[in-house]
Amino acid sequence: MCGSASLWGVVVAAGSGERYGDRKQFVALAGRLVVERACDVFPSDAVIGVVVALPSDPPLLRLPGHAVTVTGGATRRASVRAALGRIPRTADLVAVHDAARPLATPALLFRLLAALHADPGAAGAVPVVPVTDALKRREGSALRSVDRSPLVITQTPQLFRADLLRRAHAEAPEGMPGFDDAEVVEAIGGRVLAVDGDLDNRKLTHPGDLSWLAASCL
């Protein structure tokens, strides 16, 4: 725990899974649903409660005892807003996690907590991993190389000061994509820290990813 700060978790699980071709968060992975495994990043001795933003017709889930559910929205921002509505105003910190990342560990969450504790002026902390592939920009039929050295790939969970996360979702422009919550917080001027992520914390995006994740569960 970050000092004596109260921490709540949010698992965003209302996506339609267009690229996967199904609701990937409800796919079985080594005997458990993907979303159930995603909840493991929030240990009960560190997190007061977990809110899982689900579609209106979720299957039966074996969620941790400190979890409650809420109906998610049509967009990620709408789902996070719905989850924030179930979190007390007294909460100090909120960590938002993708249901499609079933291998994230509590150790990663604790690294985020340590980073935010060490920098009281920061609005949040996000795990990142380096870009390892060569990057190109397509310009018609030609390719232009892109310098990858300053670029990183963001992961979840992403940790934020609860009051700033609420304000960001209320004040950030409605038209912005909001691909992750760091983008929403940055839109209102919040400074977000980069913390070393985990290469094994892969997201289930395409059907081929499932076999890799299953092998990592063994």
Protein backbone atom coordinates (compact mmCIF):
# COMPACT_ATOMS: atom_id res chain seq x y z
CA MET A 1 0.00 0.00 0.00
CA CYS A 2 1.14 3.55 -0.73
CA GLY A 3 1.58 4.73 2.85
CA SER A 4 -1.89 4.70 4.39
CA ALA A 5 -3.69 5.68 1.16
CA SER A 6 -6.84 3.77 0.31
CA LEU A 7 -6.67 1.97 -3.03
CA TRP A 8 -9.51 0.72 -5.26
CA GLY A 9 -9.25 -1.26 -8.48
CA VAL A 10 -11.27 -1.11 -11.69
CA VAL A 11 -11.32 -3.88 -14.29
CA VAL A 12 -12.70 -2.75 -17.66
CA ALA A 13 -14.48 -5.74 -19.19
CA ALA A 14 -17.31 -4.38 -21.34
CA GLY A 15 -15.50 -4.41 -24.71
CA SER A 16 -17.02 -6.17 -27.72
CA GLY A 17 -13.75 -7.80 -28.82
CA GLU A 18 -14.04 -6.82 -32.49
CA ARG A 19 -10.44 -7.69 -33.38
CA TYR A 20 -10.65 -10.99 -31.51
CA GLY A 21 -14.00 -11.92 -33.03
CA ASP A 22 -15.66 -12.60 -29.67
CA ARG A 23 -15.81 -11.23 -26.14
CA LYS A 24 -12.25 -12.24 -25.37
CA GLN A 25 -12.52 -11.33 -21.68
CA PHE A 26 -14.89 -14.29 -21.21
CA VAL A 27 -12.71 -16.85 -23.00
CA ALA A 28 -11.42 -19.73 -20.88
CA LEU A 29 -7.72 -19.58 -20.06
CA ALA A 30 -6.22 -22.54 -18.18
CA GLY A 31 -9.46 -23.32 -16.38
CA ARG A 32 -10.56 -19.77 -15.58
CA LEU A 33 -12.04 -16.91 -17.55
CA VAL A 34 -9.63 -14.24 -18.75
CA VAL A 35 -11.41 -11.52 -16.74
CA GLU A 36 -11.20 -13.63 -13.58
CA ARG A 37 -7.45 -13.93 -13.99
CA ALA A 38 -7.17 -10.19 -14.64
CA CYS A 39 -8.64 -9.53 -11.19
CA ASP A 40 -5.66 -11.34 -9.62
CA VAL A 41 -3.56 -8.17 -10.04
CA PHE A 42 -5.52 -6.71 -7.10
CA PRO A 43 -4.71 -8.68 -3.92
CA SER A 44 -7.34 -8.39 -1.19
CA ASP A 45 -4.78 -7.30 1.40
CA ALA A 46 -3.80 -4.24 -0.66
CA VAL A 47 -7.00 -3.14 -2.39
CA ILE A 48 -10.16 -2.16 -0.54
CA GLY A 49 -12.48 -3.06 -3.41
CA VAL A 50 -12.59 -3.93 -7.10
CA VAL A 51 -15.27 -2.74 -9.51
CA VAL A 52 -15.63 -4.81 -12.67
CA ALA A 53 -17.31 -2.94 -15.55
CA LEU A 54 -19.18 -5.62 -17.49
CA PRO A 55 -21.69 -5.70 -20.33
CA SER A 56 -25.32 -5.97 -19.30
CA ASP A 57 -25.37 -9.75 -19.77
CA PRO A 58 -22.12 -11.12 -18.29
CA PRO A 59 -21.71 -14.86 -17.73
CA LEU A 60 -21.39 -16.25 -14.23
CA LEU A 61 -18.06 -15.14 -12.83
CA ARG A 62 -15.97 -16.29 -9.89
CA LEU A 63 -14.78 -12.86 -8.85
CA PRO A 64 -12.81 -12.14 -5.67
CA GLY A 65 -14.82 -11.47 -2.54
CA HIS A 66 -13.97 -7.77 -2.53
CA ALA A 67 -15.32 -7.25 -6.07
CA VAL A 68 -18.62 -5.74 -7.19
CA THR A 69 -19.93 -5.36 -10.72
CA VAL A 70 -21.40 -2.49 -12.70
CA THR A 71 -22.81 -2.35 -16.22
CA GLY A 72 -20.20 -0.89 -18.54
CA GLY A 73 -20.79 1.66 -21.28
CA ALA A 74 -20.42 1.87 -25.03
CA THR A 75 -16.88 3.27 -24.72
CA ARG A 76 -13.97 2.70 -22.39
CA ARG A 77 -14.46 6.14 -20.83
CA ALA A 78 -18.13 5.37 -20.17
CA SER A 79 -17.21 2.09 -18.49
CA VAL A 80 -14.59 3.74 -16.28
CA ARG A 81 -17.05 6.46 -15.34
CA ALA A 82 -19.61 3.83 -14.36
CA ALA A 83 -17.00 2.09 -12.20
CA LEU A 84 -15.93 5.36 -10.57
CA GLY A 85 -19.55 5.86 -9.56
CA ARG A 86 -19.26 2.81 -7.30
CA ILE A 87 -16.05 3.96 -5.63
CA PRO A 88 -16.35 6.11 -2.47
CA ARG A 89 -15.28 9.73 -2.68
CA THR A 90 -12.94 9.00 0.21
CA ALA A 91 -10.75 6.77 -1.98
CA ASP A 92 -7.22 8.09 -2.45
CA LEU A 93 -6.04 6.00 -5.40
CA VAL A 94 -7.67 4.12 -8.25
CA ALA A 95 -5.94 1.56 -10.47
CA VAL A 96 -7.59 0.80 -13.81
CA HIS A 97 -6.84 -2.52 -15.51
CA ASP A 98 -7.85 -4.13 -18.81
CA ALA A 99 -9.72 -7.42 -18.48
CA ALA A 100 -7.77 -8.63 -21.51
CA ARG A 101 -4.45 -8.58 -19.59
CA PRO A 102 -4.75 -11.74 -17.47
CA LEU A 103 -1.07 -12.10 -16.53
CA ALA A 104 -0.48 -8.79 -14.76
CA THR A 105 0.92 -9.38 -11.26
CA PRO A 106 0.57 -7.65 -7.89
CA ALA A 107 4.32 -6.95 -8.07
CA LEU A 108 3.66 -4.65 -11.03
CA LEU A 109 0.92 -2.85 -9.09
CA PHE A 110 3.26 -2.36 -6.15
CA ARG A 111 5.90 -0.80 -8.44
CA LEU A 112 3.31 1.75 -9.54
CA LEU A 113 2.39 2.45 -5.93
CA ALA A 114 6.03 3.00 -5.00
CA ALA A 115 6.58 5.38 -7.92
CA LEU A 116 3.52 7.48 -7.11
CA HIS A 117 4.41 7.56 -3.42
CA ALA A 118 7.89 8.87 -4.31
CA ASP A 119 6.50 11.71 -6.45
CA PRO A 120 3.58 13.43 -4.67
CA GLY A 121 3.13 15.90 -7.54
CA ALA A 122 2.42 13.23 -10.13
CA ALA A 123 -1.17 12.50 -11.16
CA GLY A 124 -0.55 8.85 -11.97
CA ALA A 125 1.86 6.07 -12.87
CA VAL A 126 1.72 3.79 -15.89
CA PRO A 127 3.74 0.65 -16.75
CA VAL A 128 5.62 0.82 -20.04
CA VAL A 129 7.82 -1.48 -22.10
CA PRO A 130 10.21 -0.42 -24.88
CA VAL A 131 9.37 -0.64 -28.55
CA THR A 132 11.65 -3.35 -29.96
CA ASP A 133 10.53 -3.59 -33.60
CA ALA A 134 11.70 -1.27 -36.33
CA LEU A 135 9.10 1.43 -36.96
CA LYS A 136 8.21 2.88 -40.35
CA ARG A 137 5.83 5.59 -41.50
CA ARG A 138 3.98 4.77 -44.68
CA GLU A 139 3.92 7.68 -47.14
CA GLY A 140 2.03 6.48 -50.20
CA SER A 141 4.09 3.61 -51.61
CA ALA A 142 7.26 4.70 -49.76
CA LEU A 143 8.42 4.00 -46.20
CA ARG A 144 10.17 6.38 -43.84
CA SER A 145 12.00 5.17 -40.76
CA VAL A 146 10.81 6.42 -37.36
CA ASP A 147 13.13 6.83 -34.39
CA ARG A 148 11.88 4.34 -31.82
CA SER A 149 14.23 5.35 -28.99
CA PRO A 150 11.80 7.70 -27.20
CA LEU A 151 8.76 5.49 -27.80
CA VAL A 152 7.23 3.02 -25.36
CA ILE A 153 4.19 0.75 -25.23
CA THR A 154 1.84 1.36 -22.32
CA GLN A 155 0.21 -1.38 -20.28
CA THR A 156 -2.29 -1.66 -17.47
CA PRO A 157 -2.95 -1.50 -14.57
CA GLN A 158 -2.61 2.28 -14.57
CA LEU A 159 -2.63 4.01 -11.18
CA PHE A 160 -4.03 7.50 -10.49
CA ARG A 161 -4.92 9.90 -7.72
CA ALA A 162 -8.63 9.26 -7.39
CA ASP A 163 -9.71 12.91 -7.38
CA LEU A 164 -7.71 13.70 -10.51
CA LEU A 165 -9.02 10.64 -12.35
CA ARG A 166 -12.60 11.66 -11.56
CA ARG A 167 -11.95 15.23 -12.71
CA ALA A 168 -10.24 14.06 -15.88
CA HIS A 169 -13.17 11.89 -16.90
CA ALA A 170 -15.53 14.78 -16.18
CA GLU A 171 -13.56 17.54 -17.90
CA ALA A 172 -11.55 15.99 -20.75
CA PRO A 173 -13.02 16.65 -24.22
CA GLU A 174 -15.74 14.18 -25.09
CA GLY A 175 -14.44 13.72 -28.64
CA MET A 176 -11.00 12.45 -27.67
CA PRO A 177 -10.49 8.70 -28.20
CA GLY A 178 -9.45 7.92 -24.62
CA PHE A 179 -7.57 4.75 -25.57
CA ASP A 180 -6.33 4.56 -21.99
CA ASP A 181 -6.87 6.53 -18.81
CA ALA A 182 -3.44 8.12 -18.95
CA GLU A 183 -4.53 9.93 -22.10
CA VAL A 184 -7.63 11.26 -20.33
CA VAL A 185 -5.60 12.46 -17.33
CA GLU A 186 -2.96 14.06 -19.57
CA ALA A 187 -5.75 15.98 -21.36
CA ILE A 188 -6.38 18.04 -18.22
CA GLY A 189 -2.66 18.64 -17.60
CA GLY A 190 -1.94 15.73 -15.28
CA ARG A 191 1.63 14.46 -15.20
CA VAL A 192 1.85 10.69 -15.53
CA LEU A 193 4.97 8.73 -14.56
CA ALA A 194 6.49 5.96 -16.66
CA VAL A 195 7.31 2.81 -14.66
CA ASP A 196 9.02 -0.33 -15.93
CA GLY A 197 6.33 -2.72 -17.12
CA ASP A 198 6.40 -6.47 -17.64
CA LEU A 199 7.00 -8.13 -21.01
CA ASP A 200 4.81 -11.05 -19.89
CA ASN A 201 1.90 -8.68 -19.28
CA ARG A 202 0.59 -9.21 -22.79
CA LYS A 203 -2.87 -8.25 -23.94
CA LEU A 204 -5.20 -10.78 -25.49
CA THR A 205 -5.98 -9.11 -28.82
CA HIS A 206 -6.06 -11.81 -31.50
CA PRO A 207 -7.01 -15.51 -31.22
CA GLY A 208 -3.37 -16.50 -31.72
CA ASP A 209 -2.44 -14.73 -28.48
CA LEU A 210 -4.43 -17.23 -26.41
CA SER A 211 -2.00 -20.11 -26.86
CA TRP A 212 0.94 -17.97 -25.71
CA LEU A 213 -0.99 -16.83 -22.64
CA ALA A 214 -2.08 -20.40 -21.86
CA ALA A 215 1.53 -21.61 -22.02
CA SER A 216 2.56 -18.83 -19.62
CA CYS A 217 -0.06 -20.00 -17.11
CA LEU A 218 1.58 -23.44 -16.81
